[in-house]
Amino acid sequence: MVEGKEIVAKSGTFVNVPPNGTHSFKNKTNDLAKTQIILAPGGLENLFVEVGDEVLDPTIQPSPILDSQMKKFADLVSDYGVEIKQ
């Protein structure tokens, strides 16, 4: 979703999120999905490093996000200039 518009992104799709744009992403299938995110300027990637788990085998579906990870994410986002909208 970008600015309220759903985008069904097939392999090779490029999606641009404007600065301060409201967005979200979700794999609505049971298939393994990969995404490449480019951040400019950099720095926000450190939020995901702080909260997430290192991917050791990219061919295996990751474990679901734990409630404790979501809480940590919500507690840290403002440190990175991010706002969560419900």
PDB file of N, CA and C in Angstrom:
ATOM      1  N   MET A   1       0.857  -1.173   0.000  1.00  0.00           N
ATOM      2  CA  MET A   1       0.000   0.000   0.000  1.00  0.00           C
ATOM      3  C   MET A   1       0.900   1.232   0.000  1.00  0.00           C
ATOM      4  N   VAL A   2       0.593   2.150  -0.868  1.00  0.00           N
ATOM      5  CA  VAL A   2       1.280   3.437  -0.889  1.00  0.00           C
ATOM      6  C   VAL A   2       0.210   4.521  -0.973  1.00  0.00           C
ATOM      7  N   GLU A   3       0.197   5.374   0.050  1.00  0.00           N
ATOM      8  CA  GLU A   3      -0.781   6.467   0.110  1.00  0.00           C
ATOM      9  C   GLU A   3      -2.206   5.962  -0.123  1.00  0.00           C
ATOM     10  N   GLY A   4      -2.540   4.820   0.513  1.00  0.00           N
ATOM     11  CA  GLY A   4      -3.890   4.265   0.451  1.00  0.00           C
ATOM     12  C   GLY A   4      -4.206   3.451  -0.788  1.00  0.00           C
ATOM     13  N   LYS A   5      -3.272   3.341  -1.722  1.00  0.00           N
ATOM     14  CA  LYS A   5      -3.507   2.574  -2.942  1.00  0.00           C
ATOM     15  C   LYS A   5      -2.804   1.227  -2.847  1.00  0.00           C
ATOM     16  N   GLU A   6      -3.573   0.146  -3.046  1.00  0.00           N
ATOM     17  CA  GLU A   6      -2.975  -1.188  -3.010  1.00  0.00           C
ATOM     18  C   GLU A   6      -2.233  -1.456  -4.319  1.00  0.00           C
ATOM     19  N   ILE A   7      -1.020  -1.946  -4.191  1.00  0.00           N
ATOM     20  CA  ILE A   7      -0.207  -2.308  -5.339  1.00  0.00           C
ATOM     21  C   ILE A   7       0.099  -3.795  -5.229  1.00  0.00           C
ATOM     22  N   VAL A   8      -0.322  -4.562  -6.224  1.00  0.00           N
ATOM     23  CA  VAL A   8       0.006  -5.982  -6.264  1.00  0.00           C
ATOM     24  C   VAL A   8       1.324  -6.075  -7.026  1.00  0.00           C
ATOM     25  N   ALA A   9       2.382  -6.328  -6.288  1.00  0.00           N
ATOM     26  CA  ALA A   9       3.728  -6.289  -6.862  1.00  0.00           C
ATOM     27  C   ALA A   9       4.188  -7.680  -7.256  1.00  0.00           C
ATOM     28  N   LYS A  10       4.209  -7.932  -8.536  1.00  0.00           N
ATOM     29  CA  LYS A  10       4.734  -9.193  -9.055  1.00  0.00           C
ATOM     30  C   LYS A  10       6.248  -9.082  -9.152  1.00  0.00           C
ATOM     31  N   SER A  11       6.914 -10.173  -9.423  1.00  0.00           N
ATOM     32  CA  SER A  11       8.361 -10.189  -9.527  1.00  0.00           C
ATOM     33  C   SER A  11       8.845  -9.097 -10.481  1.00  0.00           C
ATOM     34  N   GLY A  12       9.820  -8.305 -10.026  1.00  0.00           N
ATOM     35  CA  GLY A  12      10.399  -7.249 -10.846  1.00  0.00           C
ATOM     36  C   GLY A  12       9.721  -5.905 -10.712  1.00  0.00           C
ATOM     37  N   THR A  13       8.668  -5.818  -9.911  1.00  0.00           N
ATOM     38  CA  THR A  13       7.954  -4.558  -9.749  1.00  0.00           C
ATOM     39  C   THR A  13       8.796  -3.567  -8.957  1.00  0.00           C
ATOM     40  N   PHE A  14       8.814  -2.322  -9.407  1.00  0.00           N
ATOM     41  CA  PHE A  14       9.467  -1.235  -8.688  1.00  0.00           C
ATOM     42  C   PHE A  14       8.382  -0.353  -8.103  1.00  0.00           C
ATOM     43  N   VAL A  15       8.478  -0.074  -6.814  1.00  0.00           N
ATOM     44  CA  VAL A  15       7.521   0.797  -6.145  1.00  0.00           C
ATOM     45  C   VAL A  15       8.297   1.929  -5.491  1.00  0.00           C
ATOM     46  N   ASN A  16       7.930   3.153  -5.810  1.00  0.00           N
ATOM     47  CA  ASN A  16       8.559   4.317  -5.200  1.00  0.00           C
ATOM     48  C   ASN A  16       7.633   4.874  -4.130  1.00  0.00           C
ATOM     49  N   VAL A  17       8.157   5.027  -2.921  1.00  0.00           N
ATOM     50  CA  VAL A  17       7.405   5.645  -1.837  1.00  0.00           C
ATOM     51  C   VAL A  17       7.973   7.043  -1.664  1.00  0.00           C
ATOM     52  N   PRO A  18       7.138   8.079  -1.850  1.00  0.00           N
ATOM     53  CA  PRO A  18       7.659   9.437  -1.724  1.00  0.00           C
ATOM     54  C   PRO A  18       8.094   9.742  -0.293  1.00  0.00           C
ATOM     55  N   PRO A  19       8.972  10.716  -0.107  1.00  0.00           N
ATOM     56  CA  PRO A  19       9.390  11.079   1.255  1.00  0.00           C
ATOM     57  C   PRO A  19       8.169  11.340   2.140  1.00  0.00           C
ATOM     58  N   ASN A  20       8.205  10.792   3.339  1.00  0.00           N
ATOM     59  CA  ASN A  20       7.120  10.913   4.313  1.00  0.00           C
ATOM     60  C   ASN A  20       5.811  10.293   3.831  1.00  0.00           C
ATOM     61  N   GLY A  21       5.892   9.414   2.831  1.00  0.00           N
ATOM     62  CA  GLY A  21       4.692   8.767   2.313  1.00  0.00           C
ATOM     63  C   GLY A  21       4.226   7.656   3.235  1.00  0.00           C
ATOM     64  N   THR A  22       2.915   7.540   3.369  1.00  0.00           N
ATOM     65  CA  THR A  22       2.332   6.465   4.163  1.00  0.00           C
ATOM     66  C   THR A  22       2.358   5.195   3.323  1.00  0.00           C
ATOM     67  N   HIS A  23       2.924   4.130   3.909  1.00  0.00           N
ATOM     68  CA  HIS A  23       3.040   2.881   3.161  1.00  0.00           C
ATOM     69  C   HIS A  23       3.089   1.691   4.104  1.00  0.00           C
ATOM     70  N   SER A  24       2.821   0.536   3.543  1.00  0.00           N
ATOM     71  CA  SER A  24       2.959  -0.728   4.265  1.00  0.00           C
ATOM     72  C   SER A  24       3.148  -1.822   3.222  1.00  0.00           C
ATOM     73  N   PHE A  25       3.623  -2.964   3.684  1.00  0.00           N
ATOM     74  CA  PHE A  25       3.749  -4.087   2.768  1.00  0.00           C
ATOM     75  C   PHE A  25       3.483  -5.377   3.506  1.00  0.00           C
ATOM     76  N   LYS A  26       2.910  -6.337   2.762  1.00  0.00           N
ATOM     77  CA  LYS A  26       2.561  -7.626   3.350  1.00  0.00           C
ATOM     78  C   LYS A  26       2.510  -8.669   2.249  1.00  0.00           C
ATOM     79  N   ASN A  27       3.078  -9.821   2.527  1.00  0.00           N
ATOM     80  CA  ASN A  27       2.974 -10.960   1.623  1.00  0.00           C
ATOM     81  C   ASN A  27       1.673 -11.679   1.968  1.00  0.00           C
ATOM     82  N   LYS A  28       0.701 -11.600   1.096  1.00  0.00           N
ATOM     83  CA  LYS A  28      -0.605 -12.206   1.356  1.00  0.00           C
ATOM     84  C   LYS A  28      -0.699 -13.647   0.857  1.00  0.00           C
ATOM     85  N   THR A  29       0.442 -14.233   0.500  1.00  0.00           N
ATOM     86  CA  THR A  29       0.461 -15.613   0.032  1.00  0.00           C
ATOM     87  C   THR A  29       1.198 -16.484   1.049  1.00  0.00           C
ATOM     88  N   ASN A  30       1.189 -17.779   0.801  1.00  0.00           N
ATOM     89  CA  ASN A  30       1.982 -18.700   1.619  1.00  0.00           C
ATOM     90  C   ASN A  30       3.357 -18.939   1.005  1.00  0.00           C
ATOM     91  N   ASP A  31       3.602 -18.319  -0.153  1.00  0.00           N
ATOM     92  CA  ASP A  31       4.886 -18.475  -0.837  1.00  0.00           C
ATOM     93  C   ASP A  31       5.935 -17.556  -0.220  1.00  0.00           C
ATOM     94  N   LEU A  32       7.182 -17.993  -0.278  1.00  0.00           N
ATOM     95  CA  LEU A  32       8.291 -17.183   0.186  1.00  0.00           C
ATOM     96  C   LEU A  32       8.417 -15.972  -0.740  1.00  0.00           C
ATOM     97  N   ALA A  33       8.529 -14.798  -0.177  1.00  0.00           N
ATOM     98  CA  ALA A  33       8.669 -13.571  -0.967  1.00  0.00           C
ATOM     99  C   ALA A  33       9.944 -12.851  -0.554  1.00  0.00           C
ATOM    100  N   LYS A  34      10.557 -12.206  -1.511  1.00  0.00           N
ATOM    101  CA  LYS A  34      11.758 -11.420  -1.242  1.00  0.00           C
ATOM    102  C   LYS A  34      11.491  -9.993  -1.670  1.00  0.00           C
ATOM    103  N   THR A  35      12.064  -9.058  -0.949  1.00  0.00           N
ATOM    104  CA  THR A  35      11.959  -7.658  -1.319  1.00  0.00           C
ATOM    105  C   THR A  35      13.321  -7.010  -1.164  1.00  0.00           C
ATOM    106  N   GLN A  36      13.591  -6.076  -2.014  1.00  0.00           N
ATOM    107  CA  GLN A  36      14.824  -5.297  -1.906  1.00  0.00           C
ATOM    108  C   GLN A  36      14.393  -3.864  -1.670  1.00  0.00           C
ATOM    109  N   ILE A  37      14.845  -3.305  -0.576  1.00  0.00           N
ATOM    110  CA  ILE A  37      14.451  -1.949  -0.206  1.00  0.00           C
ATOM    111  C   ILE A  37      15.684  -1.063  -0.244  1.00  0.00           C
ATOM    112  N   ILE A  38      15.561   0.044  -0.943  1.00  0.00           N
ATOM    113  CA  ILE A  38      16.643   1.015  -1.020  1.00  0.00           C
ATOM    114  C   ILE A  38      16.189   2.261  -0.264  1.00  0.00           C
ATOM    115  N   LEU A  39      16.953   2.648   0.723  1.00  0.00           N
ATOM    116  CA  LEU A  39      16.618   3.817   1.540  1.00  0.00           C
ATOM    117  C   LEU A  39      17.574   4.955   1.212  1.00  0.00           C
ATOM    118  N   ALA A  40      17.012   6.128   0.975  1.00  0.00           N
ATOM    119  CA  ALA A  40      17.864   7.287   0.714  1.00  0.00           C
ATOM    120  C   ALA A  40      17.232   8.498   1.379  1.00  0.00           C
ATOM    121  N   PRO A  41      17.910   9.160   2.276  1.00  0.00           N
ATOM    122  CA  PRO A  41      19.242   8.806   2.766  1.00  0.00           C
ATOM    123  C   PRO A  41      19.170   7.575   3.670  1.00  0.00           C
ATOM    124  N   GLY A  42      20.303   6.966   3.892  1.00  0.00           N
ATOM    125  CA  GLY A  42      20.375   5.760   4.712  1.00  0.00           C
ATOM    126  C   GLY A  42      20.195   6.056   6.194  1.00  0.00           C
ATOM    127  N   GLY A  43      20.114   5.001   6.955  1.00  0.00           N
ATOM    128  CA  GLY A  43      20.002   5.105   8.407  1.00  0.00           C
ATOM    129  C   GLY A  43      18.835   4.311   8.956  1.00  0.00           C
ATOM    130  N   LEU A  44      17.701   4.329   8.247  1.00  0.00           N
ATOM    131  CA  LEU A  44      16.517   3.624   8.729  1.00  0.00           C
ATOM    132  C   LEU A  44      16.738   2.118   8.787  1.00  0.00           C
ATOM    133  N   GLU A  45      17.656   1.608   7.984  1.00  0.00           N
ATOM    134  CA  GLU A  45      17.925   0.164   8.001  1.00  0.00           C
ATOM    135  C   GLU A  45      18.364  -0.308   9.383  1.00  0.00           C
ATOM    136  N   ASN A  46      18.929   0.590  10.167  1.00  0.00           N
ATOM    137  CA  ASN A  46      19.373   0.226  11.513  1.00  0.00           C
ATOM    138  C   ASN A  46      18.205  -0.124  12.435  1.00  0.00           C
ATOM    139  N   LEU A  47      17.037   0.425  12.170  1.00  0.00           N
ATOM    140  CA  LEU A  47      15.843   0.057  12.935  1.00  0.00           C
ATOM    141  C   LEU A  47      15.557  -1.431  12.756  1.00  0.00           C
ATOM    142  N   PHE A  48      15.651  -1.912  11.527  1.00  0.00           N
ATOM    143  CA  PHE A  48      15.362  -3.322  11.252  1.00  0.00           C
ATOM    144  C   PHE A  48      16.459  -4.227  11.814  1.00  0.00           C
ATOM    145  N   VAL A  49      17.671  -3.731  11.839  1.00  0.00           N
ATOM    146  CA  VAL A  49      18.770  -4.484  12.452  1.00  0.00           C
ATOM    147  C   VAL A  49      18.519  -4.628  13.951  1.00  0.00           C
ATOM    148  N   GLU A  50      18.060  -3.548  14.588  1.00  0.00           N
ATOM    149  CA  GLU A  50      17.792  -3.584  16.034  1.00  0.00           C
ATOM    150  C   GLU A  50      16.653  -4.525  16.396  1.00  0.00           C
ATOM    151  N   VAL A  51      15.647  -4.591  15.563  1.00  0.00           N
ATOM    152  CA  VAL A  51      14.422  -5.323  15.904  1.00  0.00           C
ATOM    153  C   VAL A  51      14.382  -6.729  15.316  1.00  0.00           C
ATOM    154  N   GLY A  52      14.905  -6.900  14.112  1.00  0.00           N
ATOM    155  CA  GLY A  52      14.735  -8.154  13.394  1.00  0.00           C
ATOM    156  C   GLY A  52      15.754  -9.217  13.733  1.00  0.00           C
ATOM    157  N   ASP A  53      15.620 -10.330  13.064  1.00  0.00           N
ATOM    158  CA  ASP A  53      16.536 -11.456  13.186  1.00  0.00           C
ATOM    159  C   ASP A  53      17.323 -11.585  11.890  1.00  0.00           C
ATOM    160  N   GLU A  54      18.583 -11.948  11.993  1.00  0.00           N
ATOM    161  CA  GLU A  54      19.406 -12.158  10.814  1.00  0.00           C
ATOM    162  C   GLU A  54      18.886 -13.359  10.029  1.00  0.00           C
ATOM    163  N   VAL A  55      18.819 -13.219   8.726  1.00  0.00           N
ATOM    164  CA  VAL A  55      18.395 -14.305   7.863  1.00  0.00           C
ATOM    165  C   VAL A  55      19.604 -15.178   7.569  1.00  0.00           C
ATOM    166  N   LEU A  56      19.556 -16.401   8.047  1.00  0.00           N
ATOM    167  CA  LEU A  56      20.670 -17.322   7.832  1.00  0.00           C
ATOM    168  C   LEU A  56      20.485 -18.158   6.584  1.00  0.00           C
ATOM    169  N   ASP A  57      19.236 -18.448   6.229  1.00  0.00           N
ATOM    170  CA  ASP A  57      18.947 -19.235   5.032  1.00  0.00           C
ATOM    171  C   ASP A  57      17.760 -18.592   4.313  1.00  0.00           C
ATOM    172  N   PRO A  58      18.019 -17.839   3.234  1.00  0.00           N
ATOM    173  CA  PRO A  58      16.931 -17.120   2.557  1.00  0.00           C
ATOM    174  C   PRO A  58      15.939 -18.011   1.817  1.00  0.00           C
ATOM    175  N   THR A  59      16.142 -19.323   1.835  1.00  0.00           N
ATOM    176  CA  THR A  59      15.209 -20.227   1.165  1.00  0.00           C
ATOM    177  C   THR A  59      14.162 -20.785   2.124  1.00  0.00           C
ATOM    178  N   ILE A  60      14.264 -20.429   3.397  1.00  0.00           N
ATOM    179  CA  ILE A  60      13.334 -20.931   4.417  1.00  0.00           C
ATOM    180  C   ILE A  60      12.437 -19.787   4.879  1.00  0.00           C
ATOM    181  N   GLN A  61      11.144 -20.061   4.965  1.00  0.00           N
ATOM    182  CA  GLN A  61      10.179 -19.067   5.443  1.00  0.00           C
ATOM    183  C   GLN A  61      10.568 -18.637   6.860  1.00  0.00           C
ATOM    184  N   PRO A  62      10.672 -17.351   7.121  1.00  0.00           N
ATOM    185  CA  PRO A  62      11.047 -16.902   8.470  1.00  0.00           C
ATOM    186  C   PRO A  62       9.934 -17.155   9.476  1.00  0.00           C
ATOM    187  N   SER A  63      10.315 -17.164  10.731  1.00  0.00           N
ATOM    188  CA  SER A  63       9.331 -17.310  11.805  1.00  0.00           C
ATOM    189  C   SER A  63       8.455 -16.063  11.863  1.00  0.00           C
ATOM    190  N   PRO A  64       7.220 -16.213  12.349  1.00  0.00           N
ATOM    191  CA  PRO A  64       6.366 -15.023  12.504  1.00  0.00           C
ATOM    192  C   PRO A  64       7.013 -14.010  13.451  1.00  0.00           C
ATOM    193  N   ILE A  65       6.682 -12.757  13.252  1.00  0.00           N
ATOM    194  CA  ILE A  65       7.189 -11.694  14.127  1.00  0.00           C
ATOM    195  C   ILE A  65       6.548 -11.859  15.500  1.00  0.00           C
ATOM    196  N   LEU A  66       7.363 -11.838  16.516  1.00  0.00           N
ATOM    197  CA  LEU A  66       6.876 -11.986  17.892  1.00  0.00           C
ATOM    198  C   LEU A  66       6.267 -10.681  18.390  1.00  0.00           C
ATOM    199  N   ASP A  67       5.344 -10.785  19.341  1.00  0.00           N
ATOM    200  CA  ASP A  67       4.757  -9.590  19.948  1.00  0.00           C
ATOM    201  C   ASP A  67       5.839  -8.714  20.569  1.00  0.00           C
ATOM    202  N   SER A  68       6.852  -9.341  21.159  1.00  0.00           N
ATOM    203  CA  SER A  68       7.937  -8.573  21.783  1.00  0.00           C
ATOM    204  C   SER A  68       8.721  -7.784  20.735  1.00  0.00           C
ATOM    205  N   GLN A  69       8.880  -8.348  19.527  1.00  0.00           N
ATOM    206  CA  GLN A  69       9.565  -7.629  18.454  1.00  0.00           C
ATOM    207  C   GLN A  69       8.714  -6.449  17.965  1.00  0.00           C
ATOM    208  N   MET A  70       7.409  -6.664  17.848  1.00  0.00           N
ATOM    209  CA  MET A  70       6.525  -5.570  17.419  1.00  0.00           C
ATOM    210  C   MET A  70       6.502  -4.443  18.438  1.00  0.00           C
ATOM    211  N   LYS A  71       6.521  -4.789  19.726  1.00  0.00           N
ATOM    212  CA  LYS A  71       6.561  -3.759  20.762  1.00  0.00           C
ATOM    213  C   LYS A  71       7.869  -2.984  20.681  1.00  0.00           C
ATOM    214  N   LYS A  72       8.981  -3.693  20.518  1.00  0.00           N
ATOM    215  CA  LYS A  72      10.276  -3.036  20.407  1.00  0.00           C
ATOM    216  C   LYS A  72      10.297  -2.118  19.184  1.00  0.00           C
ATOM    217  N   PHE A  73       9.749  -2.603  18.069  1.00  0.00           N
ATOM    218  CA  PHE A  73       9.664  -1.803  16.850  1.00  0.00           C
ATOM    219  C   PHE A  73       8.878  -0.524  17.122  1.00  0.00           C
ATOM    220  N   ALA A  74       7.701  -0.663  17.732  1.00  0.00           N
ATOM    221  CA  ALA A  74       6.850   0.497  18.023  1.00  0.00           C
ATOM    222  C   ALA A  74       7.539   1.474  18.978  1.00  0.00           C
ATOM    223  N   ASP A  75       8.312   0.940  19.919  1.00  0.00           N
ATOM    224  CA  ASP A  75       9.018   1.800  20.879  1.00  0.00           C
ATOM    225  C   ASP A  75      10.180   2.557  20.238  1.00  0.00           C
ATOM    226  N   LEU A  76      10.760   2.008  19.163  1.00  0.00           N
ATOM    227  CA  LEU A  76      11.954   2.601  18.556  1.00  0.00           C
ATOM    228  C   LEU A  76      11.692   3.480  17.338  1.00  0.00           C
ATOM    229  N   VAL A  77      10.543   3.340  16.685  1.00  0.00           N
ATOM    230  CA  VAL A  77      10.349   4.025  15.402  1.00  0.00           C
ATOM    231  C   VAL A  77      10.540   5.526  15.481  1.00  0.00           C
ATOM    232  N   SER A  78      10.076   6.146  16.559  1.00  0.00           N
ATOM    233  CA  SER A  78      10.215   7.604  16.639  1.00  0.00           C
ATOM    234  C   SER A  78      11.687   8.038  16.679  1.00  0.00           C
ATOM    235  N   ASP A  79      12.566   7.175  17.188  1.00  0.00           N
ATOM    236  CA  ASP A  79      14.005   7.477  17.177  1.00  0.00           C
ATOM    237  C   ASP A  79      14.538   7.594  15.753  1.00  0.00           C
ATOM    238  N   TYR A  80      13.825   7.008  14.801  1.00  0.00           N
ATOM    239  CA  TYR A  80      14.236   7.009  13.391  1.00  0.00           C
ATOM    240  C   TYR A  80      13.373   7.923  12.535  1.00  0.00           C
ATOM    241  N   GLY A  81      12.544   8.740  13.167  1.00  0.00           N
ATOM    242  CA  GLY A  81      11.706   9.676  12.419  1.00  0.00           C
ATOM    243  C   GLY A  81      10.521   9.037  11.730  1.00  0.00           C
ATOM    244  N   VAL A  82      10.099   7.882  12.225  1.00  0.00           N
ATOM    245  CA  VAL A  82       8.992   7.137  11.635  1.00  0.00           C
ATOM    246  C   VAL A  82       7.776   7.259  12.530  1.00  0.00           C
ATOM    247  N   GLU A  83       6.615   7.354  11.911  1.00  0.00           N
ATOM    248  CA  GLU A  83       5.342   7.405  12.646  1.00  0.00           C
ATOM    249  C   GLU A  83       4.485   6.235  12.203  1.00  0.00           C
ATOM    250  N   ILE A  84       3.932   5.490  13.168  1.00  0.00           N
ATOM    251  CA  ILE A  84       3.022   4.384  12.851  1.00  0.00           C
ATOM    252  C   ILE A  84       1.605   4.926  12.900  1.00  0.00           C
ATOM    253  N   LYS A  85       0.875   4.749  11.790  1.00  0.00           N
ATOM    254  CA  LYS A  85      -0.515   5.187  11.727  1.00  0.00           C
ATOM    255  C   LYS A  85      -1.399   3.949  11.746  1.00  0.00           C
ATOM    256  N   GLN A  86      -2.462   3.998  12.495  1.00  0.00           N
ATOM    257  CA  GLN A  86      -3.392   2.870  12.592  1.00  0.00           C
ATOM    258  C   GLN A  86      -4.511   3.033  11.603  1.00  0.00           C
TER     259      GLN A  86
END
